[in-house]
């Protein structure tokens, strides 16, 4: 039982260390909000998949600093952007993905 608790605690710590979460930010975090009409586009931050945009209502809490943002969708061209976030900052990006030719 104790090994299971230790494993669960380690897994939780690893998930939190990734940097992205849709939970309310702590004072040492920043929040990124993405306004995009393609709700099933997926968000990648610093090369790591986070979620579909529709699942990130309220934004995503990230560590302050420099981040590489990517939005992907099979029917649209990917959108890349680099941002710098300050502690406690809430940044809202408006992104319009360009449709890919069939």
C-alpha atoms as a PDB file:
ATOM      1  CA  UNK A   1       0.000   0.000   0.000  1.00  0.00           C
ATOM      2  CA  UNK A   2       2.815   2.385   0.867  1.00  0.00           C
ATOM      3  CA  UNK A   3       4.526   1.699  -2.490  1.00  0.00           C
ATOM      4  CA  UNK A   4       1.294   2.566  -4.271  1.00  0.00           C
ATOM      5  CA  UNK A   5       1.023   5.869  -2.375  1.00  0.00           C
ATOM      6  CA  UNK A   6       4.629   6.727  -3.222  1.00  0.00           C
ATOM      7  CA  UNK A   7       4.069   5.912  -6.884  1.00  0.00           C
ATOM      8  CA  UNK A   8       0.905   8.044  -6.988  1.00  0.00           C
ATOM      9  CA  UNK A   9       2.719  10.956  -5.332  1.00  0.00           C
ATOM     10  CA  UNK A  10       5.601  10.655  -7.812  1.00  0.00           C
ATOM     11  CA  UNK A  11       3.192  10.598 -10.759  1.00  0.00           C
ATOM     12  CA  UNK A  12       1.376  13.684  -9.475  1.00  0.00           C
ATOM     13  CA  UNK A  13       4.672  15.519  -9.009  1.00  0.00           C
ATOM     14  CA  UNK A  14       5.755  14.665 -12.561  1.00  0.00           C
ATOM     15  CA  UNK A  15       2.451  15.896 -14.001  1.00  0.00           C
ATOM     16  CA  UNK A  16       2.689  19.185 -12.132  1.00  0.00           C
ATOM     17  CA  UNK A  17       6.303  19.664 -13.199  1.00  0.00           C
ATOM     18  CA  UNK A  18       5.289  19.691 -16.887  1.00  0.00           C
ATOM     19  CA  UNK A  19       4.267  23.306 -16.524  1.00  0.00           C
ATOM     20  CA  UNK A  20       0.806  23.177 -18.065  1.00  0.00           C
ATOM     21  CA  UNK A  21      -2.443  22.873 -16.171  1.00  0.00           C
ATOM     22  CA  UNK A  22      -5.937  24.258 -16.495  1.00  0.00           C
ATOM     23  CA  UNK A  23      -6.201  24.733 -12.725  1.00  0.00           C
ATOM     24  CA  UNK A  24      -6.234  28.237 -11.237  1.00  0.00           C
ATOM     25  CA  UNK A  25      -2.713  29.661 -11.279  1.00  0.00           C
ATOM     26  CA  UNK A  26      -0.616  30.009  -8.179  1.00  0.00           C
ATOM     27  CA  UNK A  27       0.984  33.419  -7.556  1.00  0.00           C
ATOM     28  CA  UNK A  28       4.217  32.079  -9.096  1.00  0.00           C
ATOM     29  CA  UNK A  29       2.529  31.142 -12.395  1.00  0.00           C
ATOM     30  CA  UNK A  30       1.200  32.965 -15.446  1.00  0.00           C
ATOM     31  CA  UNK A  31      -1.922  32.208 -17.480  1.00  0.00           C
ATOM     32  CA  UNK A  32      -2.125  31.844 -21.246  1.00  0.00           C
ATOM     33  CA  UNK A  33      -5.539  32.109 -22.894  1.00  0.00           C
ATOM     34  CA  UNK A  34      -6.027  31.307 -26.577  1.00  0.00           C
ATOM     35  CA  UNK A  35      -8.955  32.735 -28.514  1.00  0.00           C
ATOM     36  CA  UNK A  36      -9.339  30.614 -31.669  1.00  0.00           C
ATOM     37  CA  UNK A  37     -12.523  29.640 -33.526  1.00  0.00           C
ATOM     38  CA  UNK A  38     -11.157  26.123 -34.190  1.00  0.00           C
ATOM     39  CA  UNK A  39     -12.091  24.559 -30.840  1.00  0.00           C
ATOM     40  CA  UNK A  40     -10.677  21.141 -31.702  1.00  0.00           C
ATOM     41  CA  UNK A  41      -7.226  22.512 -32.542  1.00  0.00           C
ATOM     42  CA  UNK A  42      -4.587  21.176 -30.175  1.00  0.00           C
ATOM     43  CA  UNK A  43      -2.166  23.234 -28.122  1.00  0.00           C
ATOM     44  CA  UNK A  44       1.495  22.330 -27.767  1.00  0.00           C
ATOM     45  CA  UNK A  45       3.737  24.285 -25.389  1.00  0.00           C
ATOM     46  CA  UNK A  46       7.507  23.872 -25.523  1.00  0.00           C
ATOM     47  CA  UNK A  47       7.153  20.735 -27.641  1.00  0.00           C
ATOM     48  CA  UNK A  48       4.670  19.047 -25.289  1.00  0.00           C
ATOM     49  CA  UNK A  49       1.049  18.288 -26.110  1.00  0.00           C
ATOM     50  CA  UNK A  50      -1.374  19.878 -23.630  1.00  0.00           C
ATOM     51  CA  UNK A  51      -4.978  19.531 -24.839  1.00  0.00           C
ATOM     52  CA  UNK A  52      -7.618  20.568 -27.335  1.00  0.00           C
ATOM     53  CA  UNK A  53      -8.500  24.236 -26.996  1.00  0.00           C
ATOM     54  CA  UNK A  54     -12.106  23.409 -26.026  1.00  0.00           C
ATOM     55  CA  UNK A  55     -10.739  21.706 -22.908  1.00  0.00           C
ATOM     56  CA  UNK A  56      -8.748  24.762 -21.796  1.00  0.00           C
ATOM     57  CA  UNK A  57     -11.527  27.133 -20.830  1.00  0.00           C
ATOM     58  CA  UNK A  58     -10.071  29.765 -18.575  1.00  0.00           C
ATOM     59  CA  UNK A  59      -6.580  29.272 -19.999  1.00  0.00           C
ATOM     60  CA  UNK A  60      -3.565  27.247 -19.042  1.00  0.00           C
ATOM     61  CA  UNK A  61      -1.229  27.990 -16.138  1.00  0.00           C
ATOM     62  CA  UNK A  62       2.438  28.073 -17.138  1.00  0.00           C
ATOM     63  CA  UNK A  63       5.720  28.864 -15.476  1.00  0.00           C
ATOM     64  CA  UNK A  64       6.884  32.431 -16.148  1.00  0.00           C
ATOM     65  CA  UNK A  65       9.496  32.766 -18.864  1.00  0.00           C
ATOM     66  CA  UNK A  66       9.954  32.070 -22.563  1.00  0.00           C
ATOM     67  CA  UNK A  67       7.637  29.540 -24.251  1.00  0.00           C
ATOM     68  CA  UNK A  68       7.108  28.180 -27.745  1.00  0.00           C
ATOM     69  CA  UNK A  69       3.404  27.884 -28.578  1.00  0.00           C
ATOM     70  CA  UNK A  70       2.013  25.772 -31.400  1.00  0.00           C
ATOM     71  CA  UNK A  71      -1.576  25.184 -32.501  1.00  0.00           C
ATOM     72  CA  UNK A  72      -2.223  22.191 -34.764  1.00  0.00           C
ATOM     73  CA  UNK A  73      -5.200  20.871 -36.676  1.00  0.00           C
ATOM     74  CA  UNK A  74      -5.350  18.494 -39.646  1.00  0.00           C
ATOM     75  CA  UNK A  75      -7.407  20.889 -41.812  1.00  0.00           C
ATOM     76  CA  UNK A  76      -5.398  24.043 -41.025  1.00  0.00           C
ATOM     77  CA  UNK A  77      -1.845  25.287 -41.242  1.00  0.00           C
ATOM     78  CA  UNK A  78      -0.059  25.132 -37.905  1.00  0.00           C
ATOM     79  CA  UNK A  79       0.440  28.376 -35.998  1.00  0.00           C
ATOM     80  CA  UNK A  80       3.745  28.960 -34.192  1.00  0.00           C
ATOM     81  CA  UNK A  81       4.450  31.746 -31.752  1.00  0.00           C
ATOM     82  CA  UNK A  82       7.014  32.529 -29.084  1.00  0.00           C
ATOM     83  CA  UNK A  83       5.910  34.341 -25.944  1.00  0.00           C
ATOM     84  CA  UNK A  84       7.438  35.636 -22.733  1.00  0.00           C
ATOM     85  CA  UNK A  85       5.323  35.467 -19.586  1.00  0.00           C
ATOM     86  CA  UNK A  86       5.887  37.334 -16.336  1.00  0.00           C
ATOM     87  CA  UNK A  87       4.869  36.040 -12.918  1.00  0.00           C
ATOM     88  CA  UNK A  88       1.134  36.606 -12.416  1.00  0.00           C
ATOM     89  CA  UNK A  89       0.607  37.739 -16.012  1.00  0.00           C
ATOM     90  CA  UNK A  90      -2.533  36.760 -17.958  1.00  0.00           C
ATOM     91  CA  UNK A  91      -1.868  36.792 -21.707  1.00  0.00           C
ATOM     92  CA  UNK A  92      -4.659  36.363 -24.267  1.00  0.00           C
ATOM     93  CA  UNK A  93      -3.685  35.431 -27.820  1.00  0.00           C
ATOM     94  CA  UNK A  94      -6.103  35.731 -30.719  1.00  0.00           C
ATOM     95  CA  UNK A  95      -5.242  33.140 -33.353  1.00  0.00           C
ATOM     96  CA  UNK A  96      -6.964  32.599 -36.687  1.00  0.00           C
ATOM     97  CA  UNK A  97      -5.734  29.420 -38.359  1.00  0.00           C
ATOM     98  CA  UNK A  98      -5.461  29.441 -42.156  1.00  0.00           C
ATOM     99  CA  UNK A  99      -7.228  26.577 -43.899  1.00  0.00           C
ATOM    100  CA  UNK A 100      -4.975  24.146 -45.727  1.00  0.00           C
ATOM    101  CA  UNK A 101      -5.743  23.413 -49.361  1.00  0.00           C
ATOM    102  CA  UNK A 102      -7.328  19.994 -49.978  1.00  0.00           C
END
